[in-house]
Amino acid sequence: MLKGIKSLFSATIKGKKINVFLIFFVVSFIVWTLVKLSDTYTDTINMTVAYKNLSNDKILLGSQENNVQAQVKTTGFRMLRQKFFKKEIEVDLKKVAKTKKENTFYVLANDAINKHIYQDIEILNVSPDTLYFTLGKNKTKRVPVIPQLELEFEQGFNLYDSLRIEPKFIEISGPEDVVDKLKVVYTEIKQLEDINADIDLELELVKNDSLKRLKYSQPTVKAVAKVDKFTEGKLNIPLQVQNLPQGYLIKLFPKEISITYTANVSDFNKITENDFAVYCDYNDIKNTNASFFIPKLVKFPKTVKTHRIEDKKINFLIKK
């Protein structure tokens, strides 16, 4: 029992000694830090440049200086304050000087930094010492959007109507020389396989390196289309002759021609032979020794997706 009490008392004394040591260590460290921060130092501060008050009809061209290094001399306290709380320089584009070069302006980096440095900090050197920039005309133009889609349908399916891009046009804005050259905007390349349902897809608009300075009115467009099941049909269509001179009689062999076509199931029963017209043109054989016509399909319904003429050559007999 007595040994236990002595052990507890000894541990308490040791614990107090450790706590006192830690307190003295922390106090000493704080005092040392304050002394050091009160000393004068020379150091480099990195600051980013932000351009403001750019008018709507102007744009910054080319690469701009976005970073400035300032070598300064001050106490440790002010150095820390500057580094932690003021890291950005604002350059007012309404208060800059013009160079002899057209559309090129400048501002002295030292003047720009002075407004963003705390008092009692001495600026020793600034790099670069001058900020140059070029202003160009900002232009806006409306251009069409071209989709880059590869569509592969499940067997028996096809588009019911054409693929639509919504919106068809977007506005681009940026440097006049870049905007003038751009005629269309492309979507990302995308491949769809085994399509058997309506298409409703969001596509990103792409920018290559030369277009990075442009702004688009929106980053994406939609590709929309109705998809339907389709089937194949065949009809016999009477042949007609165009441009036959007066006084001529002509017989065609055969008199009608077979057309094979595909159409969506929902429209298939509405299609009749009256929706098609196949002509043989007399002008095609006029002043030639041709012994046959090549028939031309000149009329077919919009609901037909594919079509083909079975007979490629039509024999004829002409009488005056």
C-alpha atoms as a PDB file:
ATOM      1  CA  MET A   1       0.000   0.000   0.000  1.00  0.00           C
ATOM      2  CA  LEU A   2       2.788   2.419   0.991  1.00  0.00           C
ATOM      3  CA  LYS A   3       4.718   1.606  -2.184  1.00  0.00           C
ATOM      4  CA  GLY A   4       1.643   2.433  -4.294  1.00  0.00           C
ATOM      5  CA  ILE A   5       1.248   5.877  -2.693  1.00  0.00           C
ATOM      6  CA  LYS A   6       4.941   6.673  -3.243  1.00  0.00           C
ATOM      7  CA  SER A   7       4.665   5.606  -6.902  1.00  0.00           C
ATOM      8  CA  LEU A   8       1.611   7.845  -7.514  1.00  0.00           C
ATOM      9  CA  PHE A   9       3.290  10.842  -5.832  1.00  0.00           C
ATOM     10  CA  SER A  10       6.441  10.356  -7.897  1.00  0.00           C
ATOM     11  CA  ALA A  11       4.432  10.222 -11.192  1.00  0.00           C
ATOM     12  CA  THR A  12       2.585  13.425 -10.260  1.00  0.00           C
ATOM     13  CA  ILE A  13       5.841  15.293  -9.642  1.00  0.00           C
ATOM     14  CA  LYS A  14       7.262  14.088 -12.955  1.00  0.00           C
ATOM     15  CA  GLY A  15       4.066  15.128 -14.810  1.00  0.00           C
ATOM     16  CA  LYS A  16       4.246  18.623 -13.358  1.00  0.00           C
ATOM     17  CA  LYS A  17       7.872  18.948 -14.418  1.00  0.00           C
ATOM     18  CA  ILE A  18       6.966  17.981 -17.997  1.00  0.00           C
ATOM     19  CA  ASN A  19       4.062  20.462 -18.104  1.00  0.00           C
ATOM     20  CA  VAL A  20       6.264  23.283 -16.814  1.00  0.00           C
ATOM     21  CA  PHE A  21       8.886  22.425 -19.447  1.00  0.00           C
ATOM     22  CA  LEU A  22       6.292  22.543 -22.229  1.00  0.00           C
ATOM     23  CA  ILE A  23       4.991  25.913 -21.067  1.00  0.00           C
ATOM     24  CA  PHE A  24       8.482  27.390 -20.987  1.00  0.00           C
ATOM     25  CA  PHE A  25       9.195  25.891 -24.447  1.00  0.00           C
ATOM     26  CA  VAL A  26       6.044  27.379 -26.017  1.00  0.00           C
ATOM     27  CA  VAL A  27       6.632  30.803 -24.419  1.00  0.00           C
ATOM     28  CA  SER A  28      10.255  30.786 -25.573  1.00  0.00           C
ATOM     29  CA  PHE A  29       9.235  29.854 -29.103  1.00  0.00           C
ATOM     30  CA  ILE A  30       6.639  32.657 -29.276  1.00  0.00           C
ATOM     31  CA  VAL A  31       9.142  35.219 -28.001  1.00  0.00           C
ATOM     32  CA  TRP A  32      11.767  33.999 -30.479  1.00  0.00           C
ATOM     33  CA  THR A  33       9.251  34.185 -33.361  1.00  0.00           C
ATOM     34  CA  LEU A  34       8.183  37.732 -32.442  1.00  0.00           C
ATOM     35  CA  VAL A  35      11.802  38.846 -32.311  1.00  0.00           C
ATOM     36  CA  LYS A  36      12.520  37.319 -35.694  1.00  0.00           C
ATOM     37  CA  LEU A  37       9.388  38.810 -37.294  1.00  0.00           C
ATOM     38  CA  SER A  38      10.374  42.250 -36.045  1.00  0.00           C
ATOM     39  CA  ASP A  39      13.632  42.028 -37.978  1.00  0.00           C
ATOM     40  CA  THR A  40      13.969  43.454 -41.510  1.00  0.00           C
ATOM     41  CA  TYR A  41      14.064  41.018 -44.479  1.00  0.00           C
ATOM     42  CA  THR A  42      14.398  41.098 -48.250  1.00  0.00           C
ATOM     43  CA  ASP A  43      12.154  38.664 -50.126  1.00  0.00           C
ATOM     44  CA  THR A  44      10.271  38.163 -53.412  1.00  0.00           C
ATOM     45  CA  ILE A  45       6.487  38.355 -53.639  1.00  0.00           C
ATOM     46  CA  ASN A  46       4.633  36.712 -56.551  1.00  0.00           C
ATOM     47  CA  MET A  47       1.459  38.555 -57.576  1.00  0.00           C
ATOM     48  CA  THR A  48      -1.103  37.748 -60.286  1.00  0.00           C
ATOM     49  CA  VAL A  49      -2.433  40.396 -62.672  1.00  0.00           C
ATOM     50  CA  ALA A  50      -6.159  40.958 -63.189  1.00  0.00           C
ATOM     51  CA  TYR A  51      -7.301  43.270 -66.001  1.00  0.00           C
ATOM     52  CA  LYS A  52     -10.510  45.219 -65.393  1.00  0.00           C
ATOM     53  CA  ASN A  53     -12.783  47.741 -67.176  1.00  0.00           C
ATOM     54  CA  LEU A  54     -12.431  46.125 -70.599  1.00  0.00           C
ATOM     55  CA  SER A  55     -15.118  47.668 -72.832  1.00  0.00           C
ATOM     56  CA  ASN A  56     -17.637  45.313 -74.493  1.00  0.00           C
ATOM     57  CA  ASP A  57     -16.369  46.026 -78.010  1.00  0.00           C
ATOM     58  CA  LYS A  58     -12.733  45.235 -77.144  1.00  0.00           C
ATOM     59  CA  ILE A  59     -10.828  42.079 -76.299  1.00  0.00           C
ATOM     60  CA  LEU A  60      -7.337  41.271 -75.035  1.00  0.00           C
ATOM     61  CA  LEU A  61      -5.296  39.668 -77.817  1.00  0.00           C
ATOM     62  CA  GLY A  62      -2.365  37.297 -77.569  1.00  0.00           C
ATOM     63  CA  SER A  63      -0.740  36.122 -74.362  1.00  0.00           C
ATOM     64  CA  GLN A  64      -0.750  38.630 -71.514  1.00  0.00           C
ATOM     65  CA  GLU A  65       1.612  38.943 -68.574  1.00  0.00           C
ATOM     66  CA  ASN A  66      -0.357  37.325 -65.759  1.00  0.00           C
ATOM     67  CA  ASN A  67       2.351  37.257 -63.082  1.00  0.00           C
ATOM     68  CA  VAL A  68       4.636  39.906 -61.584  1.00  0.00           C
ATOM     69  CA  GLN A  69       7.471  39.369 -59.137  1.00  0.00           C
ATOM     70  CA  ALA A  70       8.331  42.152 -56.680  1.00  0.00           C
ATOM     71  CA  GLN A  71      11.486  42.156 -54.590  1.00  0.00           C
ATOM     72  CA  VAL A  72      10.646  43.992 -51.366  1.00  0.00           C
ATOM     73  CA  LYS A  73      12.249  44.946 -48.077  1.00  0.00           C
ATOM     74  CA  THR A  74      10.287  45.156 -44.848  1.00  0.00           C
ATOM     75  CA  THR A  75       9.760  43.517 -41.452  1.00  0.00           C
ATOM     76  CA  GLY A  76       8.732  39.910 -41.142  1.00  0.00           C
ATOM     77  CA  PHE A  77       5.285  40.925 -39.875  1.00  0.00           C
ATOM     78  CA  ARG A  78       4.489  43.044 -42.934  1.00  0.00           C
ATOM     79  CA  MET A  79       6.034  40.467 -45.269  1.00  0.00           C
ATOM     80  CA  LEU A  80       3.717  37.748 -43.998  1.00  0.00           C
ATOM     81  CA  ARG A  81       0.716  40.057 -44.154  1.00  0.00           C
ATOM     82  CA  GLN A  82       1.491  41.004 -47.769  1.00  0.00           C
ATOM     83  CA  LYS A  83       2.020  37.431 -48.894  1.00  0.00           C
ATOM     84  CA  PHE A  84      -1.127  36.082 -47.309  1.00  0.00           C
ATOM     85  CA  PHE A  85      -3.668  38.836 -47.990  1.00  0.00           C
ATOM     86  CA  LYS A  86      -2.700  40.743 -51.137  1.00  0.00           C
ATOM     87  CA  LYS A  87      -1.724  38.506 -54.030  1.00  0.00           C
ATOM     88  CA  GLU A  88      -3.494  40.193 -56.956  1.00  0.00           C
ATOM     89  CA  ILE A  89      -2.760  43.375 -58.938  1.00  0.00           C
ATOM     90  CA  GLU A  90      -5.623  45.080 -60.745  1.00  0.00           C
ATOM     91  CA  VAL A  91      -4.787  46.885 -63.983  1.00  0.00           C
ATOM     92  CA  ASP A  92      -7.445  49.391 -65.044  1.00  0.00           C
ATOM     93  CA  LEU A  93      -7.608  49.294 -68.846  1.00  0.00           C
ATOM     94  CA  LYS A  94      -9.160  52.754 -68.900  1.00  0.00           C
ATOM     95  CA  LYS A  95      -6.000  54.212 -67.367  1.00  0.00           C
ATOM     96  CA  VAL A  96      -3.209  52.857 -69.534  1.00  0.00           C
ATOM     97  CA  ALA A  97      -0.748  54.456 -71.938  1.00  0.00           C
ATOM     98  CA  LYS A  98      -0.569  53.786 -75.686  1.00  0.00           C
ATOM     99  CA  THR A  99       2.603  52.737 -77.457  1.00  0.00           C
ATOM    100  CA  LYS A 100       3.600  53.757 -80.974  1.00  0.00           C
ATOM    101  CA  LYS A 101       2.425  50.359 -82.190  1.00  0.00           C
ATOM    102  CA  GLU A 102      -1.239  50.200 -83.215  1.00  0.00           C
ATOM    103  CA  ASN A 103      -3.630  48.801 -80.587  1.00  0.00           C
ATOM    104  CA  THR A 104      -0.748  48.138 -78.151  1.00  0.00           C
ATOM    105  CA  PHE A 105      -0.784  49.633 -74.647  1.00  0.00           C
ATOM    106  CA  TYR A 106       1.358  49.463 -71.529  1.00  0.00           C
ATOM    107  CA  VAL A 107       1.405  50.157 -67.821  1.00  0.00           C
ATOM    108  CA  LEU A 108       4.442  50.412 -65.556  1.00  0.00           C
ATOM    109  CA  ALA A 109       4.420  47.413 -63.259  1.00  0.00           C
ATOM    110  CA  ASN A 110       5.899  49.465 -60.426  1.00  0.00           C
ATOM    111  CA  ASP A 111       2.958  51.906 -60.572  1.00  0.00           C
ATOM    112  CA  ALA A 112       0.476  49.036 -60.654  1.00  0.00           C
ATOM    113  CA  ILE A 113       2.061  47.283 -57.675  1.00  0.00           C
ATOM    114  CA  ASN A 114       2.314  50.412 -55.528  1.00  0.00           C
ATOM    115  CA  LYS A 115      -1.449  50.483 -55.123  1.00  0.00           C
ATOM    116  CA  HIS A 116      -1.437  46.942 -53.792  1.00  0.00           C
ATOM    117  CA  ILE A 117       1.520  47.031 -51.418  1.00  0.00           C
ATOM    118  CA  TYR A 118       1.039  47.745 -47.727  1.00  0.00           C
ATOM    119  CA  GLN A 119       2.639  50.845 -46.266  1.00  0.00           C
ATOM    120  CA  ASP A 120       6.213  50.708 -44.954  1.00  0.00           C
ATOM    121  CA  ILE A 121       7.153  48.059 -47.527  1.00  0.00           C
ATOM    122  CA  GLU A 122      10.033  49.171 -49.747  1.00  0.00           C
ATOM    123  CA  ILE A 123       9.919  47.965 -53.368  1.00  0.00           C
ATOM    124  CA  LEU A 124      13.453  47.184 -54.562  1.00  0.00           C
ATOM    125  CA  ASN A 125      12.757  45.679 -57.976  1.00  0.00           C
ATOM    126  CA  VAL A 126       9.808  44.585 -60.164  1.00  0.00           C
ATOM    127  CA  SER A 127       9.934  41.983 -62.942  1.00  0.00           C
ATOM    128  CA  PRO A 128       8.750  42.550 -65.602  1.00  0.00           C
ATOM    129  CA  ASP A 129       9.019  46.304 -65.145  1.00  0.00           C
ATOM    130  CA  THR A 130       6.399  47.019 -67.842  1.00  0.00           C
ATOM    131  CA  LEU A 131       3.180  45.200 -68.741  1.00  0.00           C
ATOM    132  CA  TYR A 132       2.359  45.285 -72.451  1.00  0.00           C
ATOM    133  CA  PHE A 133      -0.930  44.173 -73.990  1.00  0.00           C
ATOM    134  CA  THR A 134      -2.816  44.440 -77.265  1.00  0.00           C
ATOM    135  CA  LEU A 135      -6.476  45.312 -77.586  1.00  0.00           C
ATOM    136  CA  GLY A 136      -8.470  44.080 -80.567  1.00  0.00           C
ATOM    137  CA  LYS A 137     -12.032  44.467 -81.727  1.00  0.00           C
ATOM    138  CA  ASN A 138     -14.481  42.048 -80.161  1.00  0.00           C
ATOM    139  CA  LYS A 139     -16.938  40.648 -82.730  1.00  0.00           C
ATOM    140  CA  THR A 140     -20.057  38.494 -82.480  1.00  0.00           C
ATOM    141  CA  LYS A 141     -21.415  36.302 -85.266  1.00  0.00           C
ATOM    142  CA  ARG A 142     -24.135  33.661 -85.722  1.00  0.00           C
ATOM    143  CA  VAL A 143     -22.922  30.360 -87.200  1.00  0.00           C
ATOM    144  CA  PRO A 144     -24.548  26.970 -87.921  1.00  0.00           C
ATOM    145  CA  VAL A 145     -23.835  23.890 -85.812  1.00  0.00           C
ATOM    146  CA  ILE A 146     -22.692  20.766 -87.677  1.00  0.00           C
ATOM    147  CA  PRO A 147     -23.166  17.417 -85.870  1.00  0.00           C
ATOM    148  CA  GLN A 148     -20.487  14.738 -86.037  1.00  0.00           C
ATOM    149  CA  LEU A 149     -22.622  11.668 -85.405  1.00  0.00           C
ATOM    150  CA  GLU A 150     -22.308   8.149 -86.752  1.00  0.00           C
ATOM    151  CA  LEU A 151     -25.639   6.328 -86.520  1.00  0.00           C
ATOM    152  CA  GLU A 152     -25.989   2.545 -86.746  1.00  0.00           C
ATOM    153  CA  PHE A 153     -29.517   1.191 -86.350  1.00  0.00           C
ATOM    154  CA  GLU A 154     -30.717  -2.118 -85.068  1.00  0.00           C
ATOM    155  CA  GLN A 155     -31.984  -4.270 -87.936  1.00  0.00           C
ATOM    156  CA  GLY A 156     -35.484  -3.202 -88.913  1.00  0.00           C
ATOM    157  CA  PHE A 157     -35.168   0.361 -87.524  1.00  0.00           C
ATOM    158  CA  ASN A 158     -34.393   3.698 -89.152  1.00  0.00           C
ATOM    159  CA  LEU A 159     -35.014   7.435 -88.810  1.00  0.00           C
ATOM    160  CA  TYR A 160     -38.642   8.410 -89.135  1.00  0.00           C
ATOM    161  CA  ASP A 161     -37.611  11.953 -90.031  1.00  0.00           C
ATOM    162  CA  SER A 162     -34.328  13.826 -90.314  1.00  0.00           C
ATOM    163  CA  LEU A 163     -31.952  14.378 -87.426  1.00  0.00           C
ATOM    164  CA  ARG A 164     -32.437  17.842 -85.868  1.00  0.00           C
ATOM    165  CA  ILE A 165     -29.914  19.956 -84.004  1.00  0.00           C
ATOM    166  CA  GLU A 166     -31.377  22.282 -81.369  1.00  0.00           C
ATOM    167  CA  PRO A 167     -30.474  25.064 -81.744  1.00  0.00           C
ATOM    168  CA  LYS A 168     -29.311  25.031 -85.360  1.00  0.00           C
ATOM    169  CA  PHE A 169     -27.255  28.195 -84.837  1.00  0.00           C
ATOM    170  CA  ILE A 170     -25.222  29.609 -81.957  1.00  0.00           C
ATOM    171  CA  GLU A 171     -23.454  32.931 -81.411  1.00  0.00           C
ATOM    172  CA  ILE A 172     -19.679  33.092 -81.216  1.00  0.00           C
ATOM    173  CA  SER A 173     -17.705  36.088 -79.999  1.00  0.00           C
ATOM    174  CA  GLY A 174     -14.032  36.908 -79.815  1.00  0.00           C
ATOM    175  CA  PRO A 175     -11.182  38.497 -81.784  1.00  0.00           C
ATOM    176  CA  GLU A 176     -12.392  39.821 -85.111  1.00  0.00           C
ATOM    177  CA  ASP A 177      -9.780  37.965 -87.178  1.00  0.00           C
ATOM    178  CA  VAL A 178     -10.701  34.589 -85.642  1.00  0.00           C
ATOM    179  CA  VAL A 179     -14.468  35.145 -85.835  1.00  0.00           C
ATOM    180  CA  ASP A 180     -14.312  36.161 -89.516  1.00  0.00           C
ATOM    181  CA  LYS A 181     -12.583  32.907 -90.482  1.00  0.00           C
ATOM    182  CA  LEU A 182     -14.994  30.614 -88.644  1.00  0.00           C
ATOM    183  CA  LYS A 183     -17.941  29.506 -90.811  1.00  0.00           C
ATOM    184  CA  VAL A 184     -19.389  26.631 -88.758  1.00  0.00           C
ATOM    185  CA  VAL A 185     -19.093  25.078 -85.301  1.00  0.00           C
ATOM    186  CA  TYR A 186     -18.778  21.303 -84.923  1.00  0.00           C
ATOM    187  CA  THR A 187     -20.056  19.029 -82.191  1.00  0.00           C
ATOM    188  CA  GLU A 188     -18.003  16.319 -80.579  1.00  0.00           C
ATOM    189  CA  ILE A 189     -17.640  13.083 -82.552  1.00  0.00           C
ATOM    190  CA  LYS A 190     -19.974  10.393 -81.286  1.00  0.00           C
ATOM    191  CA  GLN A 191     -21.027   6.969 -82.519  1.00  0.00           C
ATOM    192  CA  LEU A 192     -24.370   5.388 -81.649  1.00  0.00           C
ATOM    193  CA  GLU A 193     -24.942   1.689 -82.264  1.00  0.00           C
ATOM    194  CA  ASP A 194     -27.978  -0.630 -82.253  1.00  0.00           C
ATOM    195  CA  ILE A 195     -30.419   2.288 -82.231  1.00  0.00           C
ATOM    196  CA  ASN A 196     -34.041   1.172 -81.733  1.00  0.00           C
ATOM    197  CA  ALA A 197     -35.552   4.180 -79.915  1.00  0.00           C
ATOM    198  CA  ASP A 198     -35.907   7.923 -80.397  1.00  0.00           C
ATOM    199  CA  ILE A 199     -32.666   9.919 -80.229  1.00  0.00           C
ATOM    200  CA  ASP A 200     -32.351  12.649 -77.590  1.00  0.00           C
ATOM    201  CA  LEU A 201     -28.694  13.374 -77.039  1.00  0.00           C
ATOM    202  CA  GLU A 202     -26.656  16.270 -75.612  1.00  0.00           C
ATOM    203  CA  LEU A 203     -23.492  17.052 -77.567  1.00  0.00           C
ATOM    204  CA  GLU A 204     -20.583  19.259 -76.576  1.00  0.00           C
ATOM    205  CA  LEU A 205     -19.339  21.903 -78.997  1.00  0.00           C
ATOM    206  CA  VAL A 206     -15.657  21.435 -79.736  1.00  0.00           C
ATOM    207  CA  LYS A 207     -12.861  24.014 -79.788  1.00  0.00           C
ATOM    208  CA  ASN A 208      -9.423  23.387 -81.216  1.00  0.00           C
ATOM    209  CA  ASP A 209      -6.371  25.377 -80.101  1.00  0.00           C
ATOM    210  CA  SER A 210      -7.064  28.206 -82.558  1.00  0.00           C
ATOM    211  CA  LEU A 211     -10.586  28.670 -81.156  1.00  0.00           C
ATOM    212  CA  LYS A 212      -9.776  28.806 -77.434  1.00  0.00           C
ATOM    213  CA  ARG A 213     -10.088  32.589 -77.410  1.00  0.00           C
ATOM    214  CA  LEU A 214     -13.670  32.394 -78.667  1.00  0.00           C
ATOM    215  CA  LYS A 215     -16.756  32.384 -76.463  1.00  0.00           C
ATOM    216  CA  TYR A 216     -19.803  30.338 -77.443  1.00  0.00           C
ATOM    217  CA  SER A 217     -23.316  31.413 -76.474  1.00  0.00           C
ATOM    218  CA  GLN A 218     -23.754  27.893 -75.076  1.00  0.00           C
ATOM    219  CA  PRO A 219     -21.409  24.916 -74.549  1.00  0.00           C
ATOM    220  CA  THR A 220     -23.753  22.167 -75.791  1.00  0.00           C
ATOM    221  CA  VAL A 221     -26.581  21.459 -78.251  1.00  0.00           C
ATOM    222  CA  LYS A 222     -29.119  18.659 -78.531  1.00  0.00           C
ATOM    223  CA  ALA A 223     -29.453  16.064 -81.299  1.00  0.00           C
ATOM    224  CA  VAL A 224     -33.068  14.925 -81.646  1.00  0.00           C
ATOM    225  CA  ALA A 225     -34.730  12.438 -84.008  1.00  0.00           C
ATOM    226  CA  LYS A 226     -37.692  10.123 -84.107  1.00  0.00           C
ATOM    227  CA  VAL A 227     -36.848   6.472 -84.775  1.00  0.00           C
ATOM    228  CA  ASP A 228     -39.358   3.938 -86.101  1.00  0.00           C
ATOM    229  CA  LYS A 229     -39.469   0.372 -87.325  1.00  0.00           C
ATOM    230  CA  PHE A 230     -39.441   0.017 -91.104  1.00  0.00           C
ATOM    231  CA  THR A 231     -40.293  -2.633 -93.670  1.00  0.00           C
ATOM    232  CA  GLU A 232     -39.759  -3.332 -97.366  1.00  0.00           C
ATOM    233  CA  GLY A 233     -42.340  -3.123-100.148  1.00  0.00           C
ATOM    234  CA  LYS A 234     -42.534  -3.460-103.936  1.00  0.00           C
ATOM    235  CA  LEU A 235     -44.781  -1.693-106.474  1.00  0.00           C
ATOM    236  CA  ASN A 236     -45.141  -1.804-110.273  1.00  0.00           C
ATOM    237  CA  ILE A 237     -45.076   1.721-111.659  1.00  0.00           C
ATOM    238  CA  PRO A 238     -46.194   2.597-115.239  1.00  0.00           C
ATOM    239  CA  LEU A 239     -43.431   4.171-117.354  1.00  0.00           C
ATOM    240  CA  GLN A 240     -43.868   7.600-118.950  1.00  0.00           C
ATOM    241  CA  VAL A 241     -41.895   9.235-121.749  1.00  0.00           C
ATOM    242  CA  GLN A 242     -40.776  12.853-121.620  1.00  0.00           C
ATOM    243  CA  ASN A 243     -39.922  15.215-124.483  1.00  0.00           C
ATOM    244  CA  LEU A 244     -41.256  12.917-127.239  1.00  0.00           C
ATOM    245  CA  PRO A 245     -41.599  15.014-130.463  1.00  0.00           C
ATOM    246  CA  GLN A 246     -45.003  15.435-132.073  1.00  0.00           C
ATOM    247  CA  GLY A 247     -45.828  12.822-134.676  1.00  0.00           C
ATOM    248  CA  TYR A 248     -43.783  10.131-132.951  1.00  0.00           C
ATOM    249  CA  LEU A 249     -45.146   6.949-131.388  1.00  0.00           C
ATOM    250  CA  ILE A 250     -43.135   4.930-128.942  1.00  0.00           C
ATOM    251  CA  LYS A 251     -43.529   1.518-127.333  1.00  0.00           C
ATOM    252  CA  LEU A 252     -41.608   0.580-124.215  1.00  0.00           C
ATOM    253  CA  PHE A 253     -40.569  -2.922-123.192  1.00  0.00           C
ATOM    254  CA  PRO A 254     -41.601  -3.392-120.427  1.00  0.00           C
ATOM    255  CA  LYS A 255     -44.385  -0.812-119.978  1.00  0.00           C
ATOM    256  CA  GLU A 256     -44.041  -0.722-116.232  1.00  0.00           C
ATOM    257  CA  ILE A 257     -41.204  -1.087-113.838  1.00  0.00           C
ATOM    258  CA  SER A 258     -40.767  -2.598-110.380  1.00  0.00           C
ATOM    259  CA  ILE A 259     -39.598  -0.370-107.534  1.00  0.00           C
ATOM    260  CA  THR A 260     -38.465  -1.825-104.241  1.00  0.00           C
ATOM    261  CA  TYR A 261     -38.562   0.575-101.300  1.00  0.00           C
ATOM    262  CA  THR A 262     -38.385   0.728 -97.543  1.00  0.00           C
ATOM    263  CA  ALA A 263     -40.637   2.815 -95.301  1.00  0.00           C
ATOM    264  CA  ASN A 264     -41.546   3.094 -91.667  1.00  0.00           C
ATOM    265  CA  VAL A 265     -44.231   0.710 -90.486  1.00  0.00           C
ATOM    266  CA  SER A 266     -46.507   3.581 -89.466  1.00  0.00           C
ATOM    267  CA  ASP A 267     -46.460   4.995 -93.043  1.00  0.00           C
ATOM    268  CA  PHE A 268     -46.233   1.796 -95.068  1.00  0.00           C
ATOM    269  CA  ASN A 269     -49.961   1.277 -95.752  1.00  0.00           C
ATOM    270  CA  LYS A 270     -50.369   4.901 -96.913  1.00  0.00           C
ATOM    271  CA  ILE A 271     -47.968   4.486 -99.856  1.00  0.00           C
ATOM    272  CA  THR A 272     -49.477   3.720-103.295  1.00  0.00           C
ATOM    273  CA  GLU A 273     -48.213   3.579-106.895  1.00  0.00           C
ATOM    274  CA  ASN A 274     -49.597   7.102-107.450  1.00  0.00           C
ATOM    275  CA  ASP A 275     -46.890   8.414-105.131  1.00  0.00           C
ATOM    276  CA  PHE A 276     -44.187   7.402-107.639  1.00  0.00           C
ATOM    277  CA  ALA A 277     -43.326   8.563-111.147  1.00  0.00           C
ATOM    278  CA  VAL A 278     -40.705   6.999-113.425  1.00  0.00           C
ATOM    279  CA  TYR A 279     -39.789   8.693-116.725  1.00  0.00           C
ATOM    280  CA  CYS A 280     -37.811   7.799-119.811  1.00  0.00           C
ATOM    281  CA  ASP A 281     -36.434  10.978-121.386  1.00  0.00           C
ATOM    282  CA  TYR A 282     -36.330  11.081-125.207  1.00  0.00           C
ATOM    283  CA  ASN A 283     -33.599  13.744-125.038  1.00  0.00           C
ATOM    284  CA  ASP A 284     -31.290  11.119-123.549  1.00  0.00           C
ATOM    285  CA  ILE A 285     -31.299   9.096-126.770  1.00  0.00           C
ATOM    286  CA  LYS A 286     -31.837  11.911-129.263  1.00  0.00           C
ATOM    287  CA  ASN A 287     -29.083  12.035-131.893  1.00  0.00           C
ATOM    288  CA  THR A 288     -27.570   8.807-130.562  1.00  0.00           C
ATOM    289  CA  ASN A 289     -27.600   5.163-131.565  1.00  0.00           C
ATOM    290  CA  ALA A 290     -28.863   4.072-128.148  1.00  0.00           C
ATOM    291  CA  SER A 291     -31.225   1.119-128.164  1.00  0.00           C
ATOM    292  CA  PHE A 292     -32.568   1.512-124.653  1.00  0.00           C
ATOM    293  CA  PHE A 293     -33.609   4.080-122.053  1.00  0.00           C
ATOM    294  CA  ILE A 294     -32.282   4.332-118.528  1.00  0.00           C
ATOM    295  CA  PRO A 295     -35.364   5.016-116.381  1.00  0.00           C
ATOM    296  CA  LYS A 296     -35.363   7.865-113.874  1.00  0.00           C
ATOM    297  CA  LEU A 297     -37.314   7.957-110.647  1.00  0.00           C
ATOM    298  CA  VAL A 298     -38.505  11.573-110.520  1.00  0.00           C
ATOM    299  CA  LYS A 299     -41.167  11.331-107.847  1.00  0.00           C
ATOM    300  CA  PHE A 300     -41.479   9.361-104.631  1.00  0.00           C
ATOM    301  CA  PRO A 301     -43.013  10.037-101.194  1.00  0.00           C
ATOM    302  CA  LYS A 302     -40.917  11.627 -98.463  1.00  0.00           C
ATOM    303  CA  THR A 303     -41.797   8.742 -96.174  1.00  0.00           C
ATOM    304  CA  VAL A 304     -39.747   6.359 -98.342  1.00  0.00           C
ATOM    305  CA  LYS A 305     -36.299   5.877 -96.811  1.00  0.00           C
ATOM    306  CA  THR A 306     -34.592   3.876 -99.551  1.00  0.00           C
ATOM    307  CA  HIS A 307     -35.596   2.861-103.063  1.00  0.00           C
ATOM    308  CA  ARG A 308     -34.213   1.083-106.102  1.00  0.00           C
ATOM    309  CA  ILE A 309     -35.387   0.412-109.659  1.00  0.00           C
ATOM    310  CA  GLU A 310     -35.269  -3.268-110.549  1.00  0.00           C
ATOM    311  CA  ASP A 311     -35.027  -2.843-114.338  1.00  0.00           C
ATOM    312  CA  LYS A 312     -32.025  -0.730-115.298  1.00  0.00           C
ATOM    313  CA  LYS A 313     -32.626  -0.735-119.080  1.00  0.00           C
ATOM    314  CA  ILE A 314     -35.877  -0.163-120.987  1.00  0.00           C
ATOM    315  CA  ASN A 315     -36.017  -1.214-124.638  1.00  0.00           C
ATOM    316  CA  PHE A 316     -38.155   0.805-127.019  1.00  0.00           C
ATOM    317  CA  LEU A 317     -39.586   0.966-130.516  1.00  0.00           C
ATOM    318  CA  ILE A 318     -40.207   4.338-132.192  1.00  0.00           C
ATOM    319  CA  LYS A 319     -42.523   5.038-135.135  1.00  0.00           C
ATOM    320  CA  LYS A 320     -42.984   8.326-136.986  1.00  0.00           C
END
